[in-house]
Amino acid sequence: MSEQEDRNFFDTFMMVLAALIVFTVVIYAISNMVANRTIADRHVQTVDAQSQLAERIRPEGRLCLKGQEEECEVDIATVDPVSDEDDAVAEAEGEVDGQQVYNQACTTCHGQGVAGAPVTGDDGAWAARLDKGYDTLLEHSIEGFQGDAGYMPAKGGNPNLSDEQVAAALDYMLEQVD
């Protein structure tokens, strides 16, 4: 290549580069104008707008535990249970309804035999487990168990259940076996 060809290539290259830089600057300026108009229309820094935003994003509720009433600013004794499912937990102080605990925590697996769970009312599926004794069956129900036939999560996968509630649910399932 000659020096003249090199010069022509360099001049062309510089013109293309200059055109790309001008194009980039124009696009940047246009995008800034559009962004400023969009933000200006939607971004209002007034006290009213800030209070509306705070109202939209405020938490819907608080988790208050017994013994922490002063931190929650609510009298827990006056709060009623939210649903029927919470009654199983609320009845921990009184007599526990095994069927209700079963419906809440156990029926998902024991209703259809999920993960090797013996189906409620299936005498054959429960026979081998009953041969090990009630105490072993209760221990596996509370602490969980991994066996050849399947997997039993501790307390049916609900750690909020008391041992008495698990025992009541087990008793209910055993009542269904002939």
Protein backbone atom coordinates (compact mmCIF):
# COMPACT_ATOMS: atom_id res chain seq x y z
CA MET A 1 0.00 0.00 0.00
CA SER A 2 1.12 3.45 -0.72
CA GLU A 3 1.19 6.39 1.54
CA GLN A 4 -1.76 7.95 -0.33
CA GLU A 5 -3.91 4.83 0.19
CA ASP A 6 -3.04 4.84 3.88
CA ARG A 7 -4.03 8.48 4.11
CA ASN A 8 -7.39 7.86 2.37
CA PHE A 9 -8.15 4.90 4.68
CA PHE A 10 -7.26 6.96 7.76
CA ASP A 11 -9.42 9.92 6.62
CA THR A 12 -12.39 7.64 5.91
CA PHE A 13 -11.94 5.87 9.23
CA MET A 14 -11.86 9.20 11.11
CA MET A 15 -15.01 10.46 9.34
CA VAL A 16 -16.91 7.26 10.22
CA LEU A 17 -15.68 7.50 13.81
CA ALA A 18 -16.72 11.17 14.02
CA ALA A 19 -20.17 10.32 12.61
CA LEU A 20 -20.63 7.57 15.22
CA ILE A 21 -19.63 9.94 18.02
CA VAL A 22 -22.09 12.60 16.79
CA PHE A 23 -24.82 9.97 16.46
CA THR A 24 -24.13 8.75 20.04
CA VAL A 25 -24.25 12.29 21.44
CA VAL A 26 -27.56 13.01 19.66
CA ILE A 27 -29.15 9.78 20.95
CA TYR A 28 -27.89 10.52 24.47
CA ALA A 29 -29.37 14.05 24.37
CA ILE A 30 -32.73 12.80 23.09
CA SER A 31 -32.92 10.05 25.72
CA ASN A 32 -32.12 12.55 28.48
CA MET A 33 -34.91 14.86 27.30
CA VAL A 34 -37.43 12.00 27.21
CA ALA A 35 -36.32 10.71 30.61
CA ASN A 36 -36.54 14.14 32.21
CA ARG A 37 -40.07 14.66 30.91
CA THR A 38 -41.17 11.19 32.04
CA ILE A 39 -39.63 11.53 35.49
CA ALA A 40 -40.92 15.07 35.93
CA ASP A 41 -44.48 13.91 35.26
CA ARG A 42 -44.34 10.98 37.68
CA HIS A 43 -41.87 11.99 40.35
CA VAL A 44 -43.51 14.52 42.62
CA GLN A 45 -41.62 15.63 45.72
CA THR A 46 -44.51 17.08 47.69
CA VAL A 47 -45.43 16.18 51.25
CA ASP A 48 -48.79 14.85 50.04
CA ALA A 49 -47.16 12.59 47.45
CA GLN A 50 -44.71 11.28 50.03
CA SER A 51 -47.51 10.50 52.50
CA GLN A 52 -49.49 8.69 49.77
CA LEU A 53 -46.40 6.64 48.93
CA ALA A 54 -45.85 5.76 52.59
CA GLU A 55 -49.51 4.65 52.86
CA ARG A 56 -49.22 2.43 49.77
CA ILE A 57 -46.11 0.60 50.97
CA ARG A 58 -46.94 0.29 54.68
CA PRO A 59 -47.06 -3.24 56.13
CA GLU A 60 -50.53 -4.78 56.40
CA GLY A 61 -49.98 -6.24 59.84
CA ARG A 62 -47.54 -7.19 62.55
CA LEU A 63 -46.52 -10.46 64.08
CA CYS A 64 -47.03 -10.23 67.81
CA LEU A 65 -46.03 -13.05 70.12
CA LYS A 66 -47.39 -13.76 73.56
CA GLY A 67 -45.24 -12.02 76.14
CA GLN A 68 -44.33 -9.16 73.79
CA GLU A 69 -47.57 -7.22 73.98
CA GLU A 70 -45.88 -3.95 74.96
CA GLU A 71 -43.79 -4.01 71.78
CA CYS A 72 -46.79 -4.73 69.57
CA GLU A 73 -49.09 -2.08 70.94
CA VAL A 74 -51.98 -4.54 70.85
CA ASP A 75 -53.76 -6.56 73.49
CA ILE A 76 -53.26 -10.12 72.29
CA ALA A 77 -55.96 -11.43 74.62
CA THR A 78 -58.59 -9.49 72.62
CA VAL A 79 -57.50 -10.85 69.22
CA ASP A 80 -59.77 -13.62 67.91
CA PRO A 81 -58.43 -16.51 65.85
CA VAL A 82 -58.42 -15.72 62.15
CA SER A 83 -59.70 -19.00 60.77
CA ASP A 84 -60.90 -22.48 61.64
CA GLU A 85 -57.42 -23.86 60.94
CA ASP A 86 -56.04 -21.82 63.81
CA ASP A 87 -58.48 -23.51 66.20
CA ALA A 88 -56.22 -26.59 66.37
CA VAL A 89 -53.44 -24.45 67.78
CA ALA A 90 -55.82 -22.53 70.04
CA GLU A 91 -57.19 -25.79 71.49
CA ALA A 92 -53.76 -26.85 72.73
CA GLU A 93 -54.81 -25.76 76.21
CA GLY A 94 -58.03 -27.80 76.18
CA GLU A 95 -59.05 -31.04 74.53
CA VAL A 96 -57.43 -31.55 71.15
CA ASP A 97 -59.56 -32.56 68.16
CA GLY A 98 -57.56 -35.21 66.29
CA GLN A 99 -59.71 -35.02 63.18
CA GLN A 100 -59.17 -31.27 62.95
CA VAL A 101 -55.39 -31.65 63.30
CA TYR A 102 -55.49 -34.48 60.74
CA ASN A 103 -57.41 -32.29 58.27
CA GLN A 104 -54.98 -29.43 58.80
CA ALA A 105 -51.64 -31.23 58.70
CA CYS A 106 -51.93 -34.91 57.79
CA THR A 107 -54.51 -35.37 55.06
CA THR A 108 -52.21 -34.13 52.29
CA CYS A 109 -49.97 -37.21 52.56
CA HIS A 110 -52.13 -39.75 54.39
CA GLY A 111 -55.18 -39.04 52.24
CA GLN A 112 -53.44 -40.16 49.04
CA GLY A 113 -50.33 -42.08 50.12
CA VAL A 114 -47.79 -39.40 49.19
CA ALA A 115 -44.12 -40.31 49.89
CA GLY A 116 -45.07 -43.79 51.05
CA ALA A 117 -47.50 -42.58 53.72
CA PRO A 118 -50.07 -45.20 54.72
CA VAL A 119 -53.48 -44.10 53.50
CA THR A 120 -55.95 -43.45 56.30
CA GLY A 121 -58.27 -46.44 56.63
CA ASP A 122 -56.04 -48.86 54.65
CA ASP A 123 -55.69 -51.80 57.06
CA GLY A 124 -52.88 -53.46 55.11
CA ALA A 125 -50.72 -50.35 54.97
CA TRP A 126 -51.05 -49.75 58.71
CA ALA A 127 -50.57 -53.38 59.82
CA ALA A 128 -46.74 -53.42 59.58
CA ARG A 129 -46.53 -50.09 61.37
CA LEU A 130 -48.87 -51.20 64.15
CA ASP A 131 -46.73 -54.31 64.71
CA LYS A 132 -43.92 -52.02 65.90
CA GLY A 133 -46.17 -50.67 68.64
CA TYR A 134 -48.03 -47.47 69.34
CA ASP A 135 -45.11 -45.81 71.15
CA THR A 136 -42.78 -46.30 68.17
CA LEU A 137 -45.46 -45.05 65.80
CA LEU A 138 -45.99 -41.95 67.94
CA GLU A 139 -42.23 -41.34 68.21
CA HIS A 140 -41.87 -41.51 64.42
CA SER A 141 -44.83 -39.16 64.02
CA ILE A 142 -43.33 -36.57 66.36
CA GLU A 143 -39.63 -36.83 65.50
CA GLY A 144 -39.91 -37.93 61.88
CA PHE A 145 -38.73 -41.13 60.25
CA GLN A 146 -37.00 -42.29 57.06
CA GLY A 147 -37.81 -45.90 56.30
CA ASP A 148 -37.86 -48.34 53.39
CA ALA A 149 -41.52 -47.63 52.69
CA GLY A 150 -41.25 -43.83 52.68
CA TYR A 151 -40.64 -40.66 54.61
CA MET A 152 -42.49 -39.17 57.58
CA PRO A 153 -41.54 -35.55 58.33
CA ALA A 154 -41.41 -34.51 61.99
CA LYS A 155 -44.89 -33.50 63.18
CA GLY A 156 -46.22 -33.95 59.66
CA GLY A 157 -44.11 -31.05 58.44
CA ASN A 158 -45.76 -28.57 60.82
CA PRO A 159 -43.36 -27.70 63.65
CA ASN A 160 -46.06 -25.58 65.32
CA LEU A 161 -48.01 -28.67 66.34
CA SER A 162 -47.63 -29.84 69.91
CA ASP A 163 -46.87 -33.46 70.76
CA GLU A 164 -50.45 -33.80 72.06
CA GLN A 165 -51.87 -32.59 68.75
CA VAL A 166 -49.74 -35.08 66.82
CA ALA A 167 -50.88 -37.87 69.18
CA ALA A 168 -54.52 -36.86 68.70
CA ALA A 169 -54.14 -36.93 64.91
CA LEU A 170 -52.45 -40.34 65.10
CA ASP A 171 -55.26 -41.63 67.32
CA TYR A 172 -57.80 -40.35 64.80
CA MET A 173 -56.01 -42.16 61.93
CA LEU A 174 -55.78 -45.39 63.94
CA GLU A 175 -59.53 -45.20 64.70
CA GLN A 176 -60.12 -45.43 60.91
CA VAL A 177 -58.29 -48.79 60.76
CA ASP A 178 -60.45 -51.88 61.42
